[in-house]
Amino acid sequence: MTPENIRQALIQAHGAARLRLSSGVPSLVPVLKVLREAGELSLAEARAQATRLAGAGLVGTLVEMRILAVRLQARAVTVTVEPAEE
């Protein structure tokens, strides 16, 4: 994970990116697995992030969101990464 001060500097310099699940994801199980592996999250924390991912999306640096996107796509989960509106 990126240290918060570096993360904020990257977002300030380059803007934030938003990662969202594409519609029609049949199961959140692969999403939960990826989020738990990527962020070392508890099941409850992963569920909360999966809910955000399915709704408004997760916001972070472009690199963070692309890494999660690649991991999700490797588990056949379709996602989009786009600039986050500020």
C-alpha atoms as a PDB file:
ATOM      1  CA  MET A   1       0.000   0.000   0.000  1.00  0.00           C
ATOM      2  CA  THR A   2       1.142   3.521  -0.743  1.00  0.00           C
ATOM      3  CA  PRO A   3       2.080   5.685   2.269  1.00  0.00           C
ATOM      4  CA  GLU A   4      -0.654   8.291   2.782  1.00  0.00           C
ATOM      5  CA  ASN A   5       1.581  11.358   2.292  1.00  0.00           C
ATOM      6  CA  ILE A   6       2.837  10.031  -1.058  1.00  0.00           C
ATOM      7  CA  ARG A   7      -0.666   8.956  -2.039  1.00  0.00           C
ATOM      8  CA  GLN A   8      -2.066  12.440  -1.359  1.00  0.00           C
ATOM      9  CA  ALA A   9       0.785  14.093  -3.279  1.00  0.00           C
ATOM     10  CA  LEU A  10       0.086  11.865  -6.297  1.00  0.00           C
ATOM     11  CA  ILE A  11      -3.632  12.617  -6.170  1.00  0.00           C
ATOM     12  CA  GLN A  12      -2.951  16.343  -5.858  1.00  0.00           C
ATOM     13  CA  ALA A  13      -0.495  16.322  -8.774  1.00  0.00           C
ATOM     14  CA  HIS A  14      -2.329  13.964 -11.131  1.00  0.00           C
ATOM     15  CA  GLY A  15      -5.898  13.745  -9.885  1.00  0.00           C
ATOM     16  CA  ALA A  16      -7.778  10.800  -8.505  1.00  0.00           C
ATOM     17  CA  ALA A  17      -9.131   7.786 -10.348  1.00  0.00           C
ATOM     18  CA  ARG A  18     -12.382   5.928  -9.707  1.00  0.00           C
ATOM     19  CA  LEU A  19     -12.746   2.157 -10.007  1.00  0.00           C
ATOM     20  CA  ARG A  20     -16.264   0.761 -10.453  1.00  0.00           C
ATOM     21  CA  LEU A  21     -17.778  -2.623 -11.035  1.00  0.00           C
ATOM     22  CA  SER A  22     -19.506  -2.949 -14.374  1.00  0.00           C
ATOM     23  CA  SER A  23     -23.155  -3.865 -14.207  1.00  0.00           C
ATOM     24  CA  GLY A  24     -24.194  -7.479 -14.115  1.00  0.00           C
ATOM     25  CA  VAL A  25     -21.579  -8.927 -11.743  1.00  0.00           C
ATOM     26  CA  PRO A  26     -23.179 -12.265 -10.805  1.00  0.00           C
ATOM     27  CA  SER A  27     -21.308 -12.723  -7.517  1.00  0.00           C
ATOM     28  CA  LEU A  28     -19.259 -10.552  -5.188  1.00  0.00           C
ATOM     29  CA  VAL A  29     -17.211 -13.529  -3.946  1.00  0.00           C
ATOM     30  CA  PRO A  30     -14.283 -12.939  -6.360  1.00  0.00           C
ATOM     31  CA  VAL A  31     -14.433  -9.220  -5.549  1.00  0.00           C
ATOM     32  CA  LEU A  32     -14.208  -9.939  -1.836  1.00  0.00           C
ATOM     33  CA  LYS A  33     -11.248 -12.277  -2.387  1.00  0.00           C
ATOM     34  CA  VAL A  34      -9.335  -9.685  -4.409  1.00  0.00           C
ATOM     35  CA  LEU A  35     -10.039  -6.882  -1.935  1.00  0.00           C
ATOM     36  CA  ARG A  36      -9.000  -9.038   1.021  1.00  0.00           C
ATOM     37  CA  GLU A  37      -5.771 -10.118  -0.699  1.00  0.00           C
ATOM     38  CA  ALA A  38      -4.873  -6.654  -1.977  1.00  0.00           C
ATOM     39  CA  GLY A  39      -5.543  -4.716   1.179  1.00  0.00           C
ATOM     40  CA  GLU A  40      -5.215  -7.339   3.886  1.00  0.00           C
ATOM     41  CA  LEU A  41      -8.765  -6.495   4.944  1.00  0.00           C
ATOM     42  CA  SER A  42     -11.127  -8.283   7.257  1.00  0.00           C
ATOM     43  CA  LEU A  43     -14.225  -9.782   5.695  1.00  0.00           C
ATOM     44  CA  ALA A  44     -16.355  -6.907   7.039  1.00  0.00           C
ATOM     45  CA  GLU A  45     -13.955  -4.298   5.614  1.00  0.00           C
ATOM     46  CA  ALA A  46     -13.865  -6.104   2.264  1.00  0.00           C
ATOM     47  CA  ARG A  47     -17.680  -6.217   2.182  1.00  0.00           C
ATOM     48  CA  ALA A  48     -17.855  -2.476   2.846  1.00  0.00           C
ATOM     49  CA  GLN A  49     -15.372  -1.786   0.031  1.00  0.00           C
ATOM     50  CA  ALA A  50     -17.214  -4.161  -2.324  1.00  0.00           C
ATOM     51  CA  THR A  51     -20.437  -2.268  -1.613  1.00  0.00           C
ATOM     52  CA  ARG A  52     -18.705   1.035  -2.461  1.00  0.00           C
ATOM     53  CA  LEU A  53     -17.149  -0.549  -5.556  1.00  0.00           C
ATOM     54  CA  ALA A  54     -20.585  -1.675  -6.755  1.00  0.00           C
ATOM     55  CA  GLY A  55     -22.050   1.789  -6.067  1.00  0.00           C
ATOM     56  CA  ALA A  56     -20.129   5.033  -6.319  1.00  0.00           C
ATOM     57  CA  GLY A  57     -16.805   3.220  -6.754  1.00  0.00           C
ATOM     58  CA  LEU A  58     -13.470   3.335  -4.979  1.00  0.00           C
ATOM     59  CA  VAL A  59     -11.281   6.408  -5.371  1.00  0.00           C
ATOM     60  CA  GLY A  60      -7.490   6.475  -5.188  1.00  0.00           C
ATOM     61  CA  THR A  61      -4.406   7.029  -7.286  1.00  0.00           C
ATOM     62  CA  LEU A  62      -4.528   5.856 -10.875  1.00  0.00           C
ATOM     63  CA  VAL A  63      -1.907   3.193 -10.139  1.00  0.00           C
ATOM     64  CA  GLU A  64      -3.828   1.849  -7.120  1.00  0.00           C
ATOM     65  CA  MET A  65      -7.046   1.614  -9.106  1.00  0.00           C
ATOM     66  CA  ARG A  66      -5.381   0.016 -12.132  1.00  0.00           C
ATOM     67  CA  ILE A  67      -3.683  -2.616  -9.961  1.00  0.00           C
ATOM     68  CA  LEU A  68      -7.033  -3.521  -8.397  1.00  0.00           C
ATOM     69  CA  ALA A  69      -8.626  -3.535 -11.861  1.00  0.00           C
ATOM     70  CA  VAL A  70      -6.037  -6.007 -13.174  1.00  0.00           C
ATOM     71  CA  ARG A  71      -6.540  -8.283 -10.158  1.00  0.00           C
ATOM     72  CA  LEU A  72     -10.312  -8.155 -10.536  1.00  0.00           C
ATOM     73  CA  GLN A  73     -10.155  -8.774 -14.278  1.00  0.00           C
ATOM     74  CA  ALA A  74      -7.945 -11.805 -13.637  1.00  0.00           C
ATOM     75  CA  ARG A  75     -10.924 -13.226 -11.716  1.00  0.00           C
ATOM     76  CA  ALA A  76     -13.323 -12.405 -14.588  1.00  0.00           C
ATOM     77  CA  VAL A  77     -14.780  -9.327 -12.877  1.00  0.00           C
ATOM     78  CA  THR A  78     -15.469  -6.501 -15.316  1.00  0.00           C
ATOM     79  CA  VAL A  79     -14.556  -3.045 -14.022  1.00  0.00           C
ATOM     80  CA  THR A  80     -13.939   0.458 -15.297  1.00  0.00           C
ATOM     81  CA  VAL A  81     -11.285   2.968 -14.260  1.00  0.00           C
ATOM     82  CA  GLU A  82     -12.002   6.618 -14.972  1.00  0.00           C
ATOM     83  CA  PRO A  83     -10.965  10.023 -13.660  1.00  0.00           C
ATOM     84  CA  ALA A  84     -12.742  10.804 -10.404  1.00  0.00           C
ATOM     85  CA  GLU A  85     -14.885  13.893 -10.462  1.00  0.00           C
ATOM     86  CA  GLU A  86     -13.857  16.265  -7.741  1.00  0.00           C
END
